[in-house]
Amino acid sequence: MAKGRLWKRAVRLGFFAAVAYAFWRWLEQRQSDSTLTWEPQPLPFPPRPRAPDPWIEPDNGSCPTSHPVKAKLSSGIYHLTGGVNYERTTPDRCYLDPAAAERDGLRAAKR
């Protein structure tokens, strides 16, 4: 009887060892096959540049050349380049064009 139990244990141990070895080989193969590379694909449609913001915050009290219209929100007035008070105005916002300032409810300076 002892020989029969010993034989069954050896068979079970061999079976589990074979399963563990097969699993280990499968993991090794899977790791070595993971060198996939992706080829870049063209976009389905060409990218469109985003439209510039209608207004931006001033930088140190001056407007950049991309947004030259100076606006004072407290007075509701915007100033264009070359206007009488353009240089001395410290803007609250800088607009892309006069139409953008008017859409926000501002009016042009009278001088």
PDB file of N, CA and C in Angstrom:
ATOM      1  N   MET A   1       0.802  -1.200   0.000  1.00  0.00           N
ATOM      2  CA  MET A   1       0.000   0.000   0.000  1.00  0.00           C
ATOM      3  C   MET A   1       0.838   1.254   0.000  1.00  0.00           C
ATOM      4  N   ALA A   2       1.931   1.229   0.678  1.00  0.00           N
ATOM      5  CA  ALA A   2       2.794   2.392   0.746  1.00  0.00           C
ATOM      6  C   ALA A   2       3.351   2.726  -0.626  1.00  0.00           C
ATOM      7  N   LYS A   3       3.621   1.653  -1.413  1.00  0.00           N
ATOM      8  CA  LYS A   3       4.149   1.904  -2.753  1.00  0.00           C
ATOM      9  C   LYS A   3       3.103   2.595  -3.625  1.00  0.00           C
ATOM     10  N   GLY A   4       1.846   2.252  -3.480  1.00  0.00           N
ATOM     11  CA  GLY A   4       0.764   2.842  -4.270  1.00  0.00           C
ATOM     12  C   GLY A   4       0.579   4.325  -3.967  1.00  0.00           C
ATOM     13  N   ARG A   5       0.665   4.692  -2.682  1.00  0.00           N
ATOM     14  CA  ARG A   5       0.523   6.104  -2.307  1.00  0.00           C
ATOM     15  C   ARG A   5       1.713   6.919  -2.784  1.00  0.00           C
ATOM     16  N   LEU A   6       2.876   6.328  -2.657  1.00  0.00           N
ATOM     17  CA  LEU A   6       4.082   7.023  -3.100  1.00  0.00           C
ATOM     18  C   LEU A   6       4.030   7.264  -4.608  1.00  0.00           C
ATOM     19  N   TRP A   7       3.549   6.247  -5.318  1.00  0.00           N
ATOM     20  CA  TRP A   7       3.438   6.365  -6.772  1.00  0.00           C
ATOM     21  C   TRP A   7       2.433   7.465  -7.146  1.00  0.00           C
ATOM     22  N   LYS A   8       1.276   7.555  -6.466  1.00  0.00           N
ATOM     23  CA  LYS A   8       0.269   8.577  -6.747  1.00  0.00           C
ATOM     24  C   LYS A   8       0.824   9.973  -6.461  1.00  0.00           C
ATOM     25  N   ARG A   9       1.558  10.110  -5.384  1.00  0.00           N
ATOM     26  CA  ARG A   9       2.157  11.417  -5.051  1.00  0.00           C
ATOM     27  C   ARG A   9       3.156  11.845  -6.120  1.00  0.00           C
ATOM     28  N   ALA A  10       3.955  10.921  -6.602  1.00  0.00           N
ATOM     29  CA  ALA A  10       4.949  11.237  -7.634  1.00  0.00           C
ATOM     30  C   ALA A  10       4.255  11.674  -8.924  1.00  0.00           C
ATOM     31  N   VAL A  11       3.153  11.003  -9.275  1.00  0.00           N
ATOM     32  CA  VAL A  11       2.418  11.361 -10.493  1.00  0.00           C
ATOM     33  C   VAL A  11       1.793  12.748 -10.339  1.00  0.00           C
ATOM     34  N   ARG A  12       1.183  13.007  -9.173  1.00  0.00           N
ATOM     35  CA  ARG A  12       0.587  14.328  -8.931  1.00  0.00           C
ATOM     36  C   ARG A  12       1.645  15.422  -8.973  1.00  0.00           C
ATOM     37  N   LEU A  13       2.764  15.193  -8.320  1.00  0.00           N
ATOM     38  CA  LEU A  13       3.844  16.178  -8.308  1.00  0.00           C
ATOM     39  C   LEU A  13       4.354  16.433  -9.725  1.00  0.00           C
ATOM     40  N   GLY A  14       4.512  15.384 -10.504  1.00  0.00           N
ATOM     41  CA  GLY A  14       4.952  15.533 -11.891  1.00  0.00           C
ATOM     42  C   GLY A  14       3.944  16.307 -12.726  1.00  0.00           C
ATOM     43  N   PHE A  15       2.649  16.044 -12.491  1.00  0.00           N
ATOM     44  CA  PHE A  15       1.600  16.752 -13.222  1.00  0.00           C
ATOM     45  C   PHE A  15       1.630  18.248 -12.903  1.00  0.00           C
ATOM     46  N   PHE A  16       1.688  18.584 -11.611  1.00  0.00           N
ATOM     47  CA  PHE A  16       1.716  19.997 -11.220  1.00  0.00           C
ATOM     48  C   PHE A  16       2.996  20.685 -11.689  1.00  0.00           C
ATOM     49  N   ALA A  17       4.108  19.962 -11.696  1.00  0.00           N
ATOM     50  CA  ALA A  17       5.364  20.532 -12.196  1.00  0.00           C
ATOM     51  C   ALA A  17       5.256  20.809 -13.694  1.00  0.00           C
ATOM     52  N   ALA A  18       4.620  19.907 -14.430  1.00  0.00           N
ATOM     53  CA  ALA A  18       4.460  20.100 -15.876  1.00  0.00           C
ATOM     54  C   ALA A  18       3.548  21.292 -16.163  1.00  0.00           C
ATOM     55  N   VAL A  19       2.476  21.447 -15.386  1.00  0.00           N
ATOM     56  CA  VAL A  19       1.567  22.583 -15.568  1.00  0.00           C
ATOM     57  C   VAL A  19       2.289  23.886 -15.246  1.00  0.00           C
ATOM     58  N   ALA A  20       3.051  23.907 -14.149  1.00  0.00           N
ATOM     59  CA  ALA A  20       3.793  25.110 -13.774  1.00  0.00           C
ATOM     60  C   ALA A  20       4.828  25.461 -14.839  1.00  0.00           C
ATOM     61  N   TYR A  21       5.526  24.449 -15.373  1.00  0.00           N
ATOM     62  CA  TYR A  21       6.528  24.699 -16.415  1.00  0.00           C
ATOM     63  C   TYR A  21       5.864  25.243 -17.693  1.00  0.00           C
ATOM     64  N   ALA A  22       4.728  24.689 -18.064  1.00  0.00           N
ATOM     65  CA  ALA A  22       4.024  25.156 -19.262  1.00  0.00           C
ATOM     66  C   ALA A  22       3.554  26.600 -19.079  1.00  0.00           C
ATOM     67  N   PHE A  23       3.072  26.918 -17.886  1.00  0.00           N
ATOM     68  CA  PHE A  23       2.636  28.283 -17.601  1.00  0.00           C
ATOM     69  C   PHE A  23       3.818  29.250 -17.663  1.00  0.00           C
ATOM     70  N   TRP A  24       4.947  28.848 -17.096  1.00  0.00           N
ATOM     71  CA  TRP A  24       6.149  29.686 -17.114  1.00  0.00           C
ATOM     72  C   TRP A  24       6.609  29.936 -18.546  1.00  0.00           C
ATOM     73  N   ARG A  25       6.607  28.911 -19.390  1.00  0.00           N
ATOM     74  CA  ARG A  25       7.015  29.067 -20.795  1.00  0.00           C
ATOM     75  C   ARG A  25       6.047  29.984 -21.552  1.00  0.00           C
ATOM     76  N   TRP A  26       4.774  29.862 -21.242  1.00  0.00           N
ATOM     77  CA  TRP A  26       3.771  30.708 -21.885  1.00  0.00           C
ATOM     78  C   TRP A  26       4.007  32.171 -21.525  1.00  0.00           C
ATOM     79  N   LEU A  27       4.311  32.466 -20.251  1.00  0.00           N
ATOM     80  CA  LEU A  27       4.604  33.837 -19.834  1.00  0.00           C
ATOM     81  C   LEU A  27       5.862  34.363 -20.513  1.00  0.00           C
ATOM     82  N   GLU A  28       6.886  33.550 -20.606  1.00  0.00           N
ATOM     83  CA  GLU A  28       8.127  33.961 -21.272  1.00  0.00           C
ATOM     84  C   GLU A  28       7.878  34.303 -22.738  1.00  0.00           C
ATOM     85  N   GLN A  29       7.112  33.465 -23.407  1.00  0.00           N
ATOM     86  CA  GLN A  29       6.823  33.709 -24.827  1.00  0.00           C
ATOM     87  C   GLN A  29       6.012  34.987 -24.995  1.00  0.00           C
ATOM     88  N   ARG A  30       5.089  35.218 -24.103  1.00  0.00           N
ATOM     89  CA  ARG A  30       4.242  36.402 -24.180  1.00  0.00           C
ATOM     90  C   ARG A  30       5.046  37.676 -23.978  1.00  0.00           C
ATOM     91  N   GLN A  31       6.002  37.644 -23.083  1.00  0.00           N
ATOM     92  CA  GLN A  31       6.835  38.818 -22.839  1.00  0.00           C
ATOM     93  C   GLN A  31       7.755  39.093 -24.015  1.00  0.00           C
ATOM     94  N   SER A  32       8.246  38.076 -24.666  1.00  0.00           N
ATOM     95  CA  SER A  32       9.156  38.294 -25.787  1.00  0.00           C
ATOM     96  C   SER A  32       8.416  38.772 -27.035  1.00  0.00           C
ATOM     97  N   ASP A  33       7.129  38.497 -27.150  1.00  0.00           N
ATOM     98  CA  ASP A  33       6.352  38.933 -28.304  1.00  0.00           C
ATOM     99  C   ASP A  33       5.795  40.343 -28.137  1.00  0.00           C
ATOM    100  N   SER A  34       6.102  41.008 -27.044  1.00  0.00           N
ATOM    101  CA  SER A  34       5.507  42.317 -26.782  1.00  0.00           C
ATOM    102  C   SER A  34       6.294  43.470 -27.405  1.00  0.00           C
ATOM    103  N   THR A  35       7.053  43.217 -28.442  1.00  0.00           N
ATOM    104  CA  THR A  35       7.802  44.282 -29.112  1.00  0.00           C
ATOM    105  C   THR A  35       7.021  44.825 -30.306  1.00  0.00           C
ATOM    106  N   LEU A  36       5.737  44.979 -30.140  1.00  0.00           N
ATOM    107  CA  LEU A  36       4.901  45.513 -31.208  1.00  0.00           C
ATOM    108  C   LEU A  36       5.206  46.987 -31.413  1.00  0.00           C
ATOM    109  N   THR A  37       5.155  47.426 -32.637  1.00  0.00           N
ATOM    110  CA  THR A  37       5.341  48.839 -32.941  1.00  0.00           C
ATOM    111  C   THR A  37       4.090  49.344 -33.651  1.00  0.00           C
ATOM    112  N   TRP A  38       3.785  50.586 -33.413  1.00  0.00           N
ATOM    113  CA  TRP A  38       2.624  51.215 -34.028  1.00  0.00           C
ATOM    114  C   TRP A  38       3.095  52.151 -35.122  1.00  0.00           C
ATOM    115  N   GLU A  39       2.517  51.982 -36.277  1.00  0.00           N
ATOM    116  CA  GLU A  39       2.831  52.884 -37.374  1.00  0.00           C
ATOM    117  C   GLU A  39       1.892  54.085 -37.290  1.00  0.00           C
ATOM    118  N   PRO A  40       2.415  55.293 -37.468  1.00  0.00           N
ATOM    119  CA  PRO A  40       1.535  56.461 -37.408  1.00  0.00           C
ATOM    120  C   PRO A  40       0.550  56.450 -38.578  1.00  0.00           C
ATOM    121  N   GLN A  41      -0.669  56.793 -38.268  1.00  0.00           N
ATOM    122  CA  GLN A  41      -1.719  56.840 -39.274  1.00  0.00           C
ATOM    123  C   GLN A  41      -2.087  58.296 -39.538  1.00  0.00           C
ATOM    124  N   PRO A  42      -2.450  58.624 -40.762  1.00  0.00           N
ATOM    125  CA  PRO A  42      -2.872  60.007 -41.036  1.00  0.00           C
ATOM    126  C   PRO A  42      -4.214  60.291 -40.360  1.00  0.00           C
ATOM    127  N   LEU A  43      -4.419  61.544 -40.046  1.00  0.00           N
ATOM    128  CA  LEU A  43      -5.684  61.941 -39.440  1.00  0.00           C
ATOM    129  C   LEU A  43      -6.809  61.795 -40.456  1.00  0.00           C
ATOM    130  N   PRO A  44      -8.012  61.453 -40.013  1.00  0.00           N
ATOM    131  CA  PRO A  44      -9.110  61.307 -40.969  1.00  0.00           C
ATOM    132  C   PRO A  44      -9.538  62.637 -41.583  1.00  0.00           C
ATOM    133  N   PHE A  45      -9.162  63.736 -40.944  1.00  0.00           N
ATOM    134  CA  PHE A  45      -9.463  65.062 -41.479  1.00  0.00           C
ATOM    135  C   PHE A  45      -8.324  65.984 -41.060  1.00  0.00           C
ATOM    136  N   PRO A  46      -8.015  67.001 -41.843  1.00  0.00           N
ATOM    137  CA  PRO A  46      -6.897  67.878 -41.481  1.00  0.00           C
ATOM    138  C   PRO A  46      -7.220  68.694 -40.231  1.00  0.00           C
ATOM    139  N   PRO A  47      -6.254  68.887 -39.363  1.00  0.00           N
ATOM    140  CA  PRO A  47      -6.513  69.686 -38.162  1.00  0.00           C
ATOM    141  C   PRO A  47      -6.741  71.147 -38.517  1.00  0.00           C
ATOM    142  N   ARG A  48      -7.675  71.761 -37.826  1.00  0.00           N
ATOM    143  CA  ARG A  48      -7.965  73.174 -38.052  1.00  0.00           C
ATOM    144  C   ARG A  48      -7.383  73.971 -36.901  1.00  0.00           C
ATOM    145  N   PRO A  49      -6.714  75.050 -37.192  1.00  0.00           N
ATOM    146  CA  PRO A  49      -6.199  75.869 -36.096  1.00  0.00           C
ATOM    147  C   PRO A  49      -7.348  76.500 -35.320  1.00  0.00           C
ATOM    148  N   ARG A  50      -7.148  76.607 -34.032  1.00  0.00           N
ATOM    149  CA  ARG A  50      -8.173  77.194 -33.175  1.00  0.00           C
ATOM    150  C   ARG A  50      -8.234  78.696 -33.394  1.00  0.00           C
ATOM    151  N   ALA A  51      -9.426  79.233 -33.405  1.00  0.00           N
ATOM    152  CA  ALA A  51      -9.600  80.677 -33.574  1.00  0.00           C
ATOM    153  C   ALA A  51      -9.037  81.390 -32.346  1.00  0.00           C
ATOM    154  N   PRO A  52      -8.411  82.545 -32.538  1.00  0.00           N
ATOM    155  CA  PRO A  52      -7.866  83.264 -31.382  1.00  0.00           C
ATOM    156  C   PRO A  52      -8.987  83.752 -30.468  1.00  0.00           C
ATOM    157  N   ASP A  53      -8.679  83.872 -29.197  1.00  0.00           N
ATOM    158  CA  ASP A  53      -9.661  84.372 -28.232  1.00  0.00           C
ATOM    159  C   ASP A  53     -10.032  85.807 -28.588  1.00  0.00           C
ATOM    160  N   PRO A  54     -11.313  86.196 -28.414  1.00  0.00           N
ATOM    161  CA  PRO A  54     -11.712  87.563 -28.754  1.00  0.00           C
ATOM    162  C   PRO A  54     -11.065  88.597 -27.840  1.00  0.00           C
ATOM    163  N   TRP A  55     -10.733  88.215 -26.600  1.00  0.00           N
ATOM    164  CA  TRP A  55     -10.045  89.146 -25.707  1.00  0.00           C
ATOM    165  C   TRP A  55      -9.094  88.371 -24.797  1.00  0.00           C
ATOM    166  N   ILE A  56      -8.062  89.060 -24.331  1.00  0.00           N
ATOM    167  CA  ILE A  56      -7.100  88.478 -23.398  1.00  0.00           C
ATOM    168  C   ILE A  56      -6.802  89.500 -22.308  1.00  0.00           C
ATOM    169  N   GLU A  57      -6.196  89.039 -21.242  1.00  0.00           N
ATOM    170  CA  GLU A  57      -5.776  89.931 -20.164  1.00  0.00           C
ATOM    171  C   GLU A  57      -4.546  90.716 -20.629  1.00  0.00           C
ATOM    172  N   PRO A  58      -4.419  91.984 -20.227  1.00  0.00           N
ATOM    173  CA  PRO A  58      -3.239  92.759 -20.620  1.00  0.00           C
ATOM    174  C   PRO A  58      -1.985  92.243 -19.916  1.00  0.00           C
ATOM    175  N   ASP A  59      -0.853  92.492 -20.544  1.00  0.00           N
ATOM    176  CA  ASP A  59       0.431  92.077 -19.988  1.00  0.00           C
ATOM    177  C   ASP A  59       1.172  93.319 -19.496  1.00  0.00           C
ATOM    178  N   ASN A  60       1.250  93.503 -18.192  1.00  0.00           N
ATOM    179  CA  ASN A  60       1.916  94.669 -17.580  1.00  0.00           C
ATOM    180  C   ASN A  60       1.333  95.993 -18.073  1.00  0.00           C
ATOM    181  N   GLY A  61       0.034  96.061 -18.212  1.00  0.00           N
ATOM    182  CA  GLY A  61      -0.619  97.306 -18.588  1.00  0.00           C
ATOM    183  C   GLY A  61      -0.577  97.643 -20.056  1.00  0.00           C
ATOM    184  N   SER A  62      -0.145  96.718 -20.889  1.00  0.00           N
ATOM    185  CA  SER A  62      -0.130  96.995 -22.330  1.00  0.00           C
ATOM    186  C   SER A  62      -0.713  95.801 -23.077  1.00  0.00           C
ATOM    187  N   CYS A  63      -1.174  96.079 -24.276  1.00  0.00           N
ATOM    188  CA  CYS A  63      -1.773  95.033 -25.099  1.00  0.00           C
ATOM    189  C   CYS A  63      -0.761  94.518 -26.115  1.00  0.00           C
ATOM    190  N   PRO A  64      -0.768  93.223 -26.390  1.00  0.00           N
ATOM    191  CA  PRO A  64       0.125  92.686 -27.420  1.00  0.00           C
ATOM    192  C   PRO A  64      -0.360  93.088 -28.812  1.00  0.00           C
ATOM    193  N   THR A  65       0.489  92.934 -29.787  1.00  0.00           N
ATOM    194  CA  THR A  65       0.128  93.322 -31.157  1.00  0.00           C
ATOM    195  C   THR A  65      -0.990  92.451 -31.724  1.00  0.00           C
ATOM    196  N   SER A  66      -1.172  91.250 -31.184  1.00  0.00           N
ATOM    197  CA  SER A  66      -2.247  90.388 -31.683  1.00  0.00           C
ATOM    198  C   SER A  66      -3.623  90.872 -31.239  1.00  0.00           C
ATOM    199  N   HIS A  67      -3.703  91.618 -30.131  1.00  0.00           N
ATOM    200  CA  HIS A  67      -4.960  92.144 -29.595  1.00  0.00           C
ATOM    201  C   HIS A  67      -4.755  93.630 -29.275  1.00  0.00           C
ATOM    202  N   PRO A  68      -4.786  94.506 -30.292  1.00  0.00           N
ATOM    203  CA  PRO A  68      -4.397  95.905 -30.084  1.00  0.00           C
ATOM    204  C   PRO A  68      -5.467  96.820 -29.479  1.00  0.00           C
ATOM    205  N   VAL A  69      -6.698  96.386 -29.372  1.00  0.00           N
ATOM    206  CA  VAL A  69      -7.775  97.259 -28.898  1.00  0.00           C
ATOM    207  C   VAL A  69      -7.800  97.238 -27.368  1.00  0.00           C
ATOM    208  N   LYS A  70      -7.585  98.416 -26.741  1.00  0.00           N
ATOM    209  CA  LYS A  70      -7.582  98.531 -25.280  1.00  0.00           C
ATOM    210  C   LYS A  70      -8.990  98.840 -24.794  1.00  0.00           C
ATOM    211  N   ALA A  71      -9.425  98.170 -23.739  1.00  0.00           N
ATOM    212  CA  ALA A  71     -10.777  98.387 -23.220  1.00  0.00           C
ATOM    213  C   ALA A  71     -10.736  98.644 -21.726  1.00  0.00           C
ATOM    214  N   LYS A  72     -11.514  99.643 -21.293  1.00  0.00           N
ATOM    215  CA  LYS A  72     -11.724  99.939 -19.873  1.00  0.00           C
ATOM    216  C   LYS A  72     -13.143  99.511 -19.550  1.00  0.00           C
ATOM    217  N   LEU A  73     -13.283  98.516 -18.700  1.00  0.00           N
ATOM    218  CA  LEU A  73     -14.613  98.001 -18.379  1.00  0.00           C
ATOM    219  C   LEU A  73     -15.398  98.956 -17.492  1.00  0.00           C
ATOM    220  N   SER A  74     -14.701  99.720 -16.638  1.00  0.00           N
ATOM    221  CA  SER A  74     -15.412 100.633 -15.734  1.00  0.00           C
ATOM    222  C   SER A  74     -16.126 101.742 -16.507  1.00  0.00           C
ATOM    223  N   SER A  75     -15.528 102.194 -17.609  1.00  0.00           N
ATOM    224  CA  SER A  75     -16.160 103.255 -18.401  1.00  0.00           C
ATOM    225  C   SER A  75     -16.952 102.700 -19.583  1.00  0.00           C
ATOM    226  N   GLY A  76     -16.708 101.439 -19.955  1.00  0.00           N
ATOM    227  CA  GLY A  76     -17.415 100.848 -21.088  1.00  0.00           C
ATOM    228  C   GLY A  76     -16.914 101.350 -22.421  1.00  0.00           C
ATOM    229  N   ILE A  77     -15.652 101.792 -22.465  1.00  0.00           N
ATOM    230  CA  ILE A  77     -15.078 102.385 -23.680  1.00  0.00           C
ATOM    231  C   ILE A  77     -13.884 101.551 -24.131  1.00  0.00           C
ATOM    232  N   TYR A  78     -13.709 101.463 -25.459  1.00  0.00           N
ATOM    233  CA  TYR A  78     -12.491 100.852 -25.991  1.00  0.00           C
ATOM    234  C   TYR A  78     -11.739 101.885 -26.817  1.00  0.00           C
ATOM    235  N   HIS A  79     -10.417 101.735 -26.853  1.00  0.00           N
ATOM    236  CA  HIS A  79      -9.542 102.673 -27.554  1.00  0.00           C
ATOM    237  C   HIS A  79      -8.792 101.939 -28.652  1.00  0.00           C
ATOM    238  N   LEU A  80      -8.730 102.577 -29.821  1.00  0.00           N
ATOM    239  CA  LEU A  80      -8.009 102.020 -30.962  1.00  0.00           C
ATOM    240  C   LEU A  80      -6.615 102.610 -31.049  1.00  0.00           C
ATOM    241  N   THR A  81      -5.721 101.885 -31.682  1.00  0.00           N
ATOM    242  CA  THR A  81      -4.357 102.362 -31.895  1.00  0.00           C
ATOM    243  C   THR A  81      -4.391 103.682 -32.655  1.00  0.00           C
ATOM    244  N   GLY A  82      -3.629 104.652 -32.191  1.00  0.00           N
ATOM    245  CA  GLY A  82      -3.590 105.959 -32.829  1.00  0.00           C
ATOM    246  C   GLY A  82      -4.588 106.936 -32.252  1.00  0.00           C
ATOM    247  N   GLY A  83      -5.428 106.503 -31.342  1.00  0.00           N
ATOM    248  CA  GLY A  83      -6.393 107.401 -30.709  1.00  0.00           C
ATOM    249  C   GLY A  83      -5.699 108.337 -29.730  1.00  0.00           C
ATOM    250  N   VAL A  84      -6.391 109.418 -29.338  1.00  0.00           N
ATOM    251  CA  VAL A  84      -5.817 110.438 -28.456  1.00  0.00           C
ATOM    252  C   VAL A  84      -5.403 109.839 -27.113  1.00  0.00           C
ATOM    253  N   ASN A  85      -6.235 109.017 -26.519  1.00  0.00           N
ATOM    254  CA  ASN A  85      -5.967 108.475 -25.187  1.00  0.00           C
ATOM    255  C   ASN A  85      -5.441 107.039 -25.198  1.00  0.00           C
ATOM    256  N   TYR A  86      -5.063 106.536 -26.352  1.00  0.00           N
ATOM    257  CA  TYR A  86      -4.630 105.140 -26.441  1.00  0.00           C
ATOM    258  C   TYR A  86      -3.396 104.876 -25.582  1.00  0.00           C
ATOM    259  N   GLU A  87      -2.385 105.727 -25.701  1.00  0.00           N
ATOM    260  CA  GLU A  87      -1.118 105.489 -24.998  1.00  0.00           C
ATOM    261  C   GLU A  87      -1.267 105.567 -23.485  1.00  0.00           C
ATOM    262  N   ARG A  88      -2.103 106.446 -22.976  1.00  0.00           N
ATOM    263  CA  ARG A  88      -2.196 106.606 -21.528  1.00  0.00           C
ATOM    264  C   ARG A  88      -3.235 105.692 -20.882  1.00  0.00           C
ATOM    265  N   THR A  89      -4.007 104.981 -21.693  1.00  0.00           N
ATOM    266  CA  THR A  89      -5.025 104.080 -21.154  1.00  0.00           C
ATOM    267  C   THR A  89      -4.381 102.793 -20.650  1.00  0.00           C
ATOM    268  N   THR A  90      -4.710 102.440 -19.408  1.00  0.00           N
ATOM    269  CA  THR A  90      -4.301 101.149 -18.850  1.00  0.00           C
ATOM    270  C   THR A  90      -5.499 100.211 -19.005  1.00  0.00           C
ATOM    271  N   PRO A  91      -5.392  99.215 -19.868  1.00  0.00           N
ATOM    272  CA  PRO A  91      -6.573  98.412 -20.204  1.00  0.00           C
ATOM    273  C   PRO A  91      -6.924  97.378 -19.131  1.00  0.00           C
ATOM    274  N   ASP A  92      -8.212  97.042 -19.089  1.00  0.00           N
ATOM    275  CA  ASP A  92      -8.684  95.908 -18.296  1.00  0.00           C
ATOM    276  C   ASP A  92      -8.689  94.646 -19.156  1.00  0.00           C
ATOM    277  N   ARG A  93      -8.928  94.837 -20.447  1.00  0.00           N
ATOM    278  CA  ARG A  93      -8.916  93.751 -21.424  1.00  0.00           C
ATOM    279  C   ARG A  93      -8.307  94.257 -22.720  1.00  0.00           C
ATOM    280  N   CYS A  94      -7.775  93.325 -23.495  1.00  0.00           N
ATOM    281  CA  CYS A  94      -7.247  93.632 -24.826  1.00  0.00           C
ATOM    282  C   CYS A  94      -8.050  92.812 -25.840  1.00  0.00           C
ATOM    283  N   TYR A  95      -8.651  93.498 -26.791  1.00  0.00           N
ATOM    284  CA  TYR A  95      -9.524  92.835 -27.764  1.00  0.00           C
ATOM    285  C   TYR A  95      -8.817  92.638 -29.097  1.00  0.00           C
ATOM    286  N   LEU A  96      -9.276  91.619 -29.807  1.00  0.00           N
ATOM    287  CA  LEU A  96      -8.744  91.277 -31.118  1.00  0.00           C
ATOM    288  C   LEU A  96      -9.075  92.353 -32.147  1.00  0.00           C
ATOM    289  N   ASP A  97     -10.300  92.853 -32.117  1.00  0.00           N
ATOM    290  CA  ASP A  97     -10.734  93.890 -33.053  1.00  0.00           C
ATOM    291  C   ASP A  97     -11.895  94.669 -32.427  1.00  0.00           C
ATOM    292  N   PRO A  98     -12.266  95.806 -33.010  1.00  0.00           N
ATOM    293  CA  PRO A  98     -13.367  96.599 -32.446  1.00  0.00           C
ATOM    294  C   PRO A  98     -14.694  95.843 -32.384  1.00  0.00           C
ATOM    295  N   ALA A  99     -14.938  94.974 -33.340  1.00  0.00           N
ATOM    296  CA  ALA A  99     -16.200  94.219 -33.345  1.00  0.00           C
ATOM    297  C   ALA A  99     -16.309  93.322 -32.109  1.00  0.00           C
ATOM    298  N   ALA A 100     -15.202  92.735 -31.686  1.00  0.00           N
ATOM    299  CA  ALA A 100     -15.220  91.883 -30.491  1.00  0.00           C
ATOM    300  C   ALA A 100     -15.519  92.710 -29.251  1.00  0.00           C
ATOM    301  N   ALA A 101     -14.979  93.925 -29.184  1.00  0.00           N
ATOM    302  CA  ALA A 101     -15.256  94.804 -28.044  1.00  0.00           C
ATOM    303  C   ALA A 101     -16.719  95.232 -28.040  1.00  0.00           C
ATOM    304  N   GLU A 102     -17.262  95.518 -29.203  1.00  0.00           N
ATOM    305  CA  GLU A 102     -18.669  95.925 -29.288  1.00  0.00           C
ATOM    306  C   GLU A 102     -19.606  94.780 -28.923  1.00  0.00           C
ATOM    307  N   ARG A 103     -19.231  93.554 -29.251  1.00  0.00           N
ATOM    308  CA  ARG A 103     -20.056  92.405 -28.862  1.00  0.00           C
ATOM    309  C   ARG A 103     -20.124  92.263 -27.342  1.00  0.00           C
ATOM    310  N   ASP A 104     -19.112  92.750 -26.636  1.00  0.00           N
ATOM    311  CA  ASP A 104     -19.125  92.719 -25.170  1.00  0.00           C
ATOM    312  C   ASP A 104     -19.813  93.935 -24.569  1.00  0.00           C
ATOM    313  N   GLY A 105     -20.400  94.780 -25.406  1.00  0.00           N
ATOM    314  CA  GLY A 105     -21.160  95.920 -24.903  1.00  0.00           C
ATOM    315  C   GLY A 105     -20.346  97.182 -24.700  1.00  0.00           C
ATOM    316  N   LEU A 106     -19.161  97.253 -25.255  1.00  0.00           N
ATOM    317  CA  LEU A 106     -18.337  98.458 -25.144  1.00  0.00           C
ATOM    318  C   LEU A 106     -18.580  99.359 -26.348  1.00  0.00           C
ATOM    319  N   ARG A 107     -18.271 100.637 -26.182  1.00  0.00           N
ATOM    320  CA  ARG A 107     -18.402 101.576 -27.302  1.00  0.00           C
ATOM    321  C   ARG A 107     -17.038 102.192 -27.578  1.00  0.00           C
ATOM    322  N   ALA A 108     -16.884 102.724 -28.782  1.00  0.00           N
ATOM    323  CA  ALA A 108     -15.620 103.343 -29.180  1.00  0.00           C
ATOM    324  C   ALA A 108     -15.438 104.675 -28.463  1.00  0.00           C
ATOM    325  N   ALA A 109     -14.182 105.039 -28.227  1.00  0.00           N
ATOM    326  CA  ALA A 109     -13.885 106.349 -27.642  1.00  0.00           C
ATOM    327  C   ALA A 109     -14.248 107.429 -28.656  1.00  0.00           C
ATOM    328  N   LYS A 110     -14.691 108.576 -28.163  1.00  0.00           N
ATOM    329  CA  LYS A 110     -15.109 109.646 -29.071  1.00  0.00           C
ATOM    330  C   LYS A 110     -13.923 110.366 -29.682  1.00  0.00           C
ATOM    331  N   ARG A 111     -12.761 110.319 -29.053  1.00  0.00           N
ATOM    332  CA  ARG A 111     -11.582 110.984 -29.615  1.00  0.00           C
ATOM    333  C   ARG A 111     -10.496 109.989 -29.872  1.00  0.00           C
TER     334      ARG A 111
END
